Amino acid sequence: MTTETTWVPDMLGEPYLAETLTLADDHEGAVEATLIHRPGIKPPRTRKALTRAVLHVHGFADYFFQTEYAQWWAERGYDFYALDLRKYGRSLREHQTPNYAGDLREYFAEIDEAWNRIVARDGHDHVVLSAHSTGGLVVGLWANERRPSALSGVVLNSPWTDLTGGALVRAASTPVLNQVGIRQPMREIKRQVVGLYGRSLHHEHDGEWDYNLLWKPMESFKVYAGWLRAIRHGHAELHRGLEIPAPILVLSSDRSSQPTEMNDDVHETDIVLDVGQIRQWATSFGPHVTYVAVPGARHDVVLSLPGPRTQVYDTIEAWRTAFVDPA
């Protein structure tokens, strides 16, 4: 565990900082993760260090760029941290397969290291975990296994709780994926990605957000059998039931759709995951879960259109003041 701060200016510019987390090598070689920090905003005439923090983890084919979300927490007196996991975003190296892991517990090493820096080194005793999509599954498994004393709440933004498709398809495909994932972990699982979700987000197309298309490409990244096997193992563990000992807020859109061309559904529904599955498995994360479906929200609810986005933040604020920071 490091005791030194090694912050450097982040690519997002002031006031964002970043530091590299050096991890154990894997089968592809050297491995690193990246911890990003946006200092919280202290109330006027307050000299004490902030003791509240957020640690955010992104989803698949993603990385941290959601500065509005970080600013929202900072304005409420939270030091905001985000983690670019190994082989994602700032942490992706030329010798690595983008976004690949053969076991979701591989990510526990960087979450452990980030948590230790936030709590033991930086002095935070009140930490909210935040995660999106695949990150929600990873963070859920980590929080259930580690159960750190400083954990004060969990915000899950459209967590990936099951494989999309009918029950028969899932039942038939999972044993096959398991066997292929063992024997041929780097075998690509072909899928069709039309890029509508990316077009709805990026400012050079039909969206309002600026991000690196090499790290969050329009057509996503390739999916491999070993990675999907790891995901299904994570789903199975979630379905058996977790016992995260903190208040949990699960957010999603109110509706999913599968458009084939740009239309209102692309902007106003979840076109990546099945929100019915999110709703079904939300209470599997722990005993104290609040689930809210936000009408008109996108898959990443904090990147929704302005109206639904306002409702997202209002919902987080109501949950925070009720369960995490009660007066």
Protein backbone atom coordinates (compact mmCIF):
# COMPACT_ATOMS: atom_id res chain seq x y z
CA MET A 1 0.00 0.00 0.00
CA THR A 2 1.45 3.36 -1.00
CA THR A 3 1.74 6.21 1.50
CA GLU A 4 2.99 8.81 -0.95
CA THR A 5 0.92 11.01 -3.25
CA THR A 6 2.01 10.81 -6.87
CA TRP A 7 -0.55 13.06 -8.51
CA VAL A 8 0.11 14.68 -11.89
CA PRO A 9 -2.22 16.92 -13.95
CA ASP A 10 -4.89 14.85 -15.68
CA MET A 11 -5.83 15.09 -19.34
CA LEU A 12 -9.16 16.68 -18.29
CA GLY A 13 -7.31 19.78 -17.07
CA GLU A 14 -7.61 21.60 -13.76
CA PRO A 15 -8.67 20.71 -11.15
CA TYR A 16 -8.34 17.04 -12.19
CA LEU A 17 -5.32 15.04 -11.13
CA ALA A 18 -4.25 11.48 -11.92
CA GLU A 19 -1.89 8.89 -10.54
CA THR A 20 -0.79 5.52 -11.85
CA LEU A 21 -1.39 2.36 -9.83
CA THR A 22 1.25 -0.26 -10.67
CA LEU A 23 -0.20 -3.76 -10.41
CA ALA A 24 1.12 -7.31 -10.74
CA ASP A 25 1.89 -8.45 -14.28
CA ASP A 26 -0.60 -10.73 -16.02
CA HIS A 27 -0.32 -13.05 -19.05
CA GLU A 28 0.07 -10.04 -21.37
CA GLY A 29 2.77 -8.33 -19.32
CA ALA A 30 2.85 -5.13 -17.28
CA VAL A 31 -0.46 -3.93 -15.83
CA GLU A 32 -1.45 -0.49 -14.55
CA ALA A 33 -4.63 1.28 -13.51
CA THR A 34 -5.27 5.00 -13.15
CA LEU A 35 -6.85 6.88 -10.25
CA ILE A 36 -8.31 10.27 -11.13
CA HIS A 37 -9.10 12.89 -8.48
CA ARG A 38 -11.29 15.99 -8.50
CA PRO A 39 -10.97 17.75 -5.11
CA GLY A 40 -14.21 18.57 -3.36
CA ILE A 41 -15.35 22.11 -2.69
CA LYS A 42 -15.09 23.08 0.96
CA PRO A 43 -17.85 25.20 2.49
CA PRO A 44 -16.87 28.81 3.19
CA ARG A 45 -14.73 29.37 6.31
CA THR A 46 -13.99 25.64 6.62
CA ARG A 47 -10.33 24.75 7.07
CA LYS A 48 -10.69 21.08 7.95
CA ALA A 49 -9.89 18.48 5.30
CA LEU A 50 -12.90 16.85 3.66
CA THR A 51 -13.52 13.35 5.00
CA ARG A 52 -16.21 12.34 2.51
CA ALA A 53 -15.36 10.89 -0.89
CA VAL A 54 -16.78 9.10 -3.93
CA LEU A 55 -15.00 6.35 -5.86
CA HIS A 56 -16.46 5.82 -9.34
CA VAL A 57 -15.87 2.87 -11.71
CA HIS A 58 -16.82 2.99 -15.42
CA GLY A 59 -18.43 0.35 -17.63
CA PHE A 60 -17.30 -1.70 -20.64
CA ALA A 61 -15.78 0.19 -23.60
CA ASP A 62 -15.64 3.23 -21.34
CA TYR A 63 -13.44 5.34 -19.09
CA PHE A 64 -13.91 8.34 -16.79
CA PHE A 65 -14.83 11.59 -18.55
CA GLN A 66 -18.12 12.49 -16.82
CA THR A 67 -16.96 15.77 -15.30
CA GLU A 68 -20.49 17.05 -14.63
CA TYR A 69 -21.05 14.06 -12.36
CA ALA A 70 -17.79 14.70 -10.52
CA GLN A 71 -18.63 18.39 -10.15
CA TRP A 72 -22.03 17.52 -8.66
CA TRP A 73 -20.43 15.49 -5.89
CA ALA A 74 -17.65 18.06 -5.37
CA GLU A 75 -20.22 20.80 -4.80
CA ARG A 76 -21.63 18.71 -1.95
CA GLY A 77 -18.31 18.50 -0.17
CA TYR A 78 -17.08 15.17 -1.53
CA ASP A 79 -13.61 14.54 -2.86
CA PHE A 80 -14.32 12.73 -6.11
CA TYR A 81 -12.15 9.86 -7.33
CA ALA A 82 -12.59 7.75 -10.46
CA LEU A 83 -10.77 4.60 -11.48
CA ASP A 84 -9.82 3.69 -15.05
CA LEU A 85 -9.49 -0.06 -14.65
CA ARG A 86 -6.66 -2.05 -16.22
CA LYS A 87 -6.81 -2.14 -20.04
CA TYR A 88 -9.35 0.70 -20.15
CA GLY A 89 -8.95 4.36 -21.04
CA ARG A 90 -5.90 5.99 -19.45
CA SER A 91 -4.70 2.54 -18.31
CA LEU A 92 -4.74 0.82 -21.72
CA ARG A 93 -1.26 -0.11 -22.98
CA GLU A 94 -0.17 -1.11 -26.50
CA HIS A 95 0.60 -4.72 -25.55
CA GLN A 96 -2.84 -5.32 -24.03
CA THR A 97 -6.17 -6.61 -25.30
CA PRO A 98 -8.57 -3.71 -24.69
CA ASN A 99 -10.98 -4.25 -21.79
CA TYR A 100 -10.11 -7.94 -21.35
CA ALA A 101 -10.15 -9.86 -18.07
CA GLY A 102 -10.56 -13.58 -17.55
CA ASP A 103 -11.97 -13.16 -14.03
CA LEU A 104 -13.80 -10.14 -12.63
CA ARG A 105 -11.82 -10.52 -9.42
CA GLU A 106 -8.73 -9.39 -11.31
CA TYR A 107 -10.13 -5.88 -10.89
CA PHE A 108 -10.19 -6.22 -7.10
CA ALA A 109 -6.46 -5.40 -6.98
CA GLU A 110 -6.90 -1.86 -8.34
CA ILE A 111 -10.08 -1.24 -6.38
CA ASP A 112 -8.26 -2.34 -3.22
CA GLU A 113 -5.34 -0.03 -4.00
CA ALA A 114 -7.60 2.91 -4.83
CA TRP A 115 -9.64 2.36 -1.66
CA ASN A 116 -6.51 2.20 0.49
CA ARG A 117 -5.24 5.47 -0.95
CA ILE A 118 -8.59 7.20 -0.47
CA VAL A 119 -9.13 5.95 3.09
CA ALA A 120 -5.75 5.22 4.70
CA ARG A 121 -3.60 7.75 2.86
CA ASP A 122 -6.03 10.60 2.15
CA GLY A 123 -8.02 10.31 5.37
CA HIS A 124 -11.59 9.69 4.16
CA ASP A 125 -13.88 7.77 6.51
CA HIS A 126 -17.16 8.16 4.60
CA VAL A 127 -16.93 6.81 1.03
CA VAL A 128 -19.67 6.29 -1.57
CA LEU A 129 -18.99 3.72 -4.28
CA SER A 130 -20.35 4.63 -7.70
CA ALA A 131 -20.34 2.48 -10.83
CA HIS A 132 -21.87 2.17 -14.28
CA SER A 133 -22.97 -0.92 -16.25
CA THR A 134 -20.28 -3.65 -16.14
CA GLY A 135 -18.58 -1.60 -13.43
CA GLY A 136 -21.72 -1.99 -11.34
CA LEU A 137 -21.35 -5.78 -11.43
CA VAL A 138 -17.64 -5.58 -10.55
CA VAL A 139 -18.15 -3.07 -7.73
CA GLY A 140 -21.04 -5.08 -6.35
CA LEU A 141 -18.91 -8.22 -6.09
CA TRP A 142 -16.02 -6.26 -4.57
CA ALA A 143 -18.15 -4.49 -1.95
CA ASN A 144 -19.84 -7.75 -0.99
CA GLU A 145 -16.51 -9.52 -0.48
CA ARG A 146 -14.53 -6.68 1.14
CA ARG A 147 -17.27 -4.90 3.16
CA PRO A 148 -14.99 -2.01 4.18
CA SER A 149 -15.96 -0.04 7.27
CA ALA A 150 -15.75 3.32 5.46
CA LEU A 151 -18.38 2.32 2.88
CA SER A 152 -21.36 4.63 3.42
CA GLY A 153 -23.38 4.06 0.24
CA VAL A 154 -23.41 2.64 -3.30
CA VAL A 155 -24.80 4.25 -6.47
CA LEU A 156 -25.26 1.81 -9.36
CA ASN A 157 -25.99 3.43 -12.72
CA SER A 158 -27.63 0.81 -15.00
CA PRO A 159 -25.66 -2.13 -13.58
CA TRP A 160 -25.26 -5.15 -15.86
CA THR A 161 -27.21 -7.83 -14.00
CA ASP A 162 -27.86 -10.48 -16.67
CA LEU A 163 -27.24 -11.49 -20.26
CA THR A 164 -29.78 -9.93 -22.60
CA GLY A 165 -32.16 -12.23 -24.44
CA GLY A 166 -34.81 -14.71 -23.40
CA ALA A 167 -34.47 -17.14 -20.51
CA LEU A 168 -34.11 -20.13 -22.85
CA VAL A 169 -31.34 -18.41 -24.80
CA ARG A 170 -29.47 -17.61 -21.58
CA ALA A 171 -29.91 -21.13 -20.23
CA ALA A 172 -28.65 -22.69 -23.45
CA SER A 173 -25.78 -20.30 -24.10
CA THR A 174 -24.21 -20.11 -20.65
CA PRO A 175 -22.80 -23.70 -20.53
CA VAL A 176 -21.41 -23.25 -24.05
CA LEU A 177 -19.78 -19.93 -23.13
CA ASN A 178 -18.30 -21.55 -20.05
CA GLN A 179 -16.65 -24.34 -22.02
CA VAL A 180 -15.43 -22.12 -24.84
CA GLY A 181 -14.18 -19.58 -22.33
CA ILE A 182 -12.03 -22.24 -20.67
CA ARG A 183 -10.66 -23.82 -23.86
CA GLN A 184 -10.45 -20.77 -26.12
CA PRO A 185 -10.55 -17.67 -23.91
CA MET A 186 -9.37 -15.34 -26.70
CA ARG A 187 -11.95 -16.53 -29.20
CA GLU A 188 -13.95 -13.55 -30.38
CA ILE A 189 -17.71 -13.67 -29.80
CA LYS A 190 -19.20 -12.04 -32.85
CA ARG A 191 -21.89 -9.43 -32.28
CA GLN A 192 -23.45 -6.58 -34.20
CA VAL A 193 -22.91 -3.08 -32.84
CA VAL A 194 -24.49 -0.37 -35.00
CA GLY A 195 -22.96 2.55 -33.09
CA LEU A 196 -26.20 4.38 -32.36
CA TYR A 197 -25.44 4.71 -28.66
CA GLY A 198 -22.11 6.37 -29.36
CA ARG A 199 -23.70 8.69 -31.91
CA SER A 200 -26.30 9.73 -29.35
CA LEU A 201 -23.52 10.78 -26.94
CA HIS A 202 -20.59 12.23 -28.85
CA HIS A 203 -20.62 15.95 -29.65
CA GLU A 204 -19.34 15.35 -33.20
CA HIS A 205 -22.53 13.39 -33.95
CA ASP A 206 -25.90 13.76 -32.17
CA GLY A 207 -24.74 14.23 -28.58
CA GLU A 208 -23.24 16.82 -26.27
CA TRP A 209 -20.26 14.99 -24.74
CA ASP A 210 -16.59 15.15 -25.67
CA TYR A 211 -14.57 12.00 -25.12
CA ASN A 212 -11.76 9.96 -26.67
CA LEU A 213 -13.12 7.71 -29.42
CA LEU A 214 -10.05 5.47 -29.19
CA TRP A 215 -10.98 4.62 -25.61
CA LYS A 216 -14.77 4.65 -26.09
CA PRO A 217 -15.22 3.73 -29.76
CA MET A 218 -18.50 4.02 -31.65
CA GLU A 219 -18.55 0.29 -32.38
CA SER A 220 -17.36 -0.67 -28.87
CA PHE A 221 -14.54 -3.23 -28.51
CA LYS A 222 -14.32 -6.90 -29.38
CA VAL A 223 -15.80 -9.34 -26.88
CA TYR A 224 -13.94 -12.57 -26.10
CA ALA A 225 -15.16 -15.89 -24.73
CA GLY A 226 -12.99 -15.75 -21.62
CA TRP A 227 -14.27 -12.30 -20.70
CA LEU A 228 -17.91 -13.26 -21.27
CA ARG A 229 -17.40 -16.38 -19.17
CA ALA A 230 -16.15 -14.13 -16.36
CA ILE A 231 -19.22 -11.93 -16.74
CA ARG A 232 -21.57 -14.92 -16.51
CA HIS A 233 -19.81 -16.11 -13.36
CA GLY A 234 -20.34 -12.64 -11.92
CA HIS A 235 -24.01 -12.73 -12.87
CA ALA A 236 -24.43 -16.12 -11.21
CA GLU A 237 -22.89 -14.82 -7.99
CA LEU A 238 -25.18 -11.78 -8.05
CA HIS A 239 -28.23 -13.96 -8.66
CA ARG A 240 -27.39 -16.04 -5.60
CA GLY A 241 -27.66 -12.81 -3.63
CA LEU A 242 -25.14 -10.33 -2.24
CA GLU A 243 -25.20 -8.71 1.20
CA ILE A 244 -23.58 -5.32 0.70
CA PRO A 245 -23.86 -3.64 4.13
CA ALA A 246 -24.67 -0.11 2.96
CA PRO A 247 -27.60 1.76 1.40
CA ILE A 248 -27.70 1.14 -2.35
CA LEU A 249 -29.31 3.26 -5.06
CA VAL A 250 -29.93 1.52 -8.40
CA LEU A 251 -30.80 3.83 -11.29
CA SER A 252 -31.88 2.98 -14.82
CA SER A 253 -34.02 4.22 -17.65
CA ASP A 254 -37.70 3.31 -17.49
CA ARG A 255 -37.58 1.53 -20.84
CA SER A 256 -35.30 -0.39 -23.18
CA SER A 257 -35.47 -0.49 -26.97
CA GLN A 258 -33.53 -1.84 -29.95
CA PRO A 259 -33.66 0.85 -32.64
CA THR A 260 -31.93 0.31 -35.97
CA GLU A 261 -31.74 3.98 -36.93
CA MET A 262 -31.48 7.34 -35.19
CA ASN A 263 -34.79 8.27 -33.58
CA ASP A 264 -36.14 9.45 -30.22
CA ASP A 265 -35.70 6.00 -28.65
CA VAL A 266 -31.94 6.23 -29.14
CA HIS A 267 -31.87 9.29 -26.88
CA GLU A 268 -34.64 8.42 -24.44
CA THR A 269 -34.30 4.70 -23.64
CA ASP A 270 -31.61 2.22 -22.67
CA ILE A 271 -30.49 0.70 -25.98
CA VAL A 272 -27.65 -1.31 -24.38
CA LEU A 273 -29.20 -3.33 -21.53
CA ASP A 274 -32.63 -4.68 -20.58
CA VAL A 275 -33.99 -2.46 -17.79
CA GLY A 276 -36.41 -5.24 -16.85
CA GLN A 277 -33.40 -7.33 -15.83
CA ILE A 278 -31.94 -4.44 -13.86
CA ARG A 279 -35.24 -4.07 -12.03
CA GLN A 280 -35.50 -7.83 -11.47
CA TRP A 281 -32.06 -8.21 -9.89
CA ALA A 282 -31.66 -4.83 -8.16
CA THR A 283 -32.49 -6.20 -4.72
CA SER A 284 -29.88 -8.94 -5.15
CA PHE A 285 -27.13 -6.44 -4.33
CA GLY A 286 -28.05 -6.14 -0.68
CA PRO A 287 -30.77 -5.75 1.95
CA HIS A 288 -31.17 -1.96 1.62
CA VAL A 289 -31.82 -1.11 -2.03
CA THR A 290 -33.69 1.82 -3.56
CA TYR A 291 -34.51 1.32 -7.23
CA VAL A 292 -35.60 4.24 -9.43
CA ALA A 293 -36.45 4.09 -13.14
CA VAL A 294 -35.98 7.53 -14.69
CA PRO A 295 -38.29 8.24 -17.65
CA GLY A 296 -36.36 9.19 -20.75
CA ALA A 297 -32.93 8.27 -19.40
CA ARG A 298 -30.12 6.76 -21.46
CA HIS A 299 -28.05 3.70 -20.56
CA ASP A 300 -25.55 5.93 -18.75
CA VAL A 301 -28.15 7.91 -16.86
CA VAL A 302 -25.82 10.83 -16.07
CA LEU A 303 -25.32 11.32 -19.84
CA SER A 304 -29.07 11.56 -20.50
CA LEU A 305 -30.79 14.51 -22.12
CA PRO A 306 -31.07 17.56 -19.80
CA GLY A 307 -34.58 16.83 -18.50
CA PRO A 308 -34.03 13.23 -17.41
CA ARG A 309 -30.52 14.12 -16.25
CA THR A 310 -31.95 16.68 -13.82
CA GLN A 311 -34.27 13.99 -12.45
CA VAL A 312 -31.29 11.65 -12.05
CA TYR A 313 -29.43 14.18 -9.92
CA ASP A 314 -32.56 15.04 -7.93
CA THR A 315 -32.98 11.32 -7.21
CA ILE A 316 -29.38 10.90 -6.07
CA GLU A 317 -29.73 13.96 -3.84
CA ALA A 318 -32.93 12.67 -2.22
CA TRP A 319 -31.32 9.27 -1.60
CA ARG A 320 -28.08 10.83 -0.32
CA THR A 321 -29.78 13.11 2.18
CA ALA A 322 -32.13 10.35 3.35
CA PHE A 323 -29.70 7.47 3.77
CA VAL A 324 -26.07 8.58 3.39
CA ASP A 325 -25.86 12.10 4.87
CA PRO A 326 -28.99 12.53 6.97
CA ALA A 327 -29.25 15.84 8.82
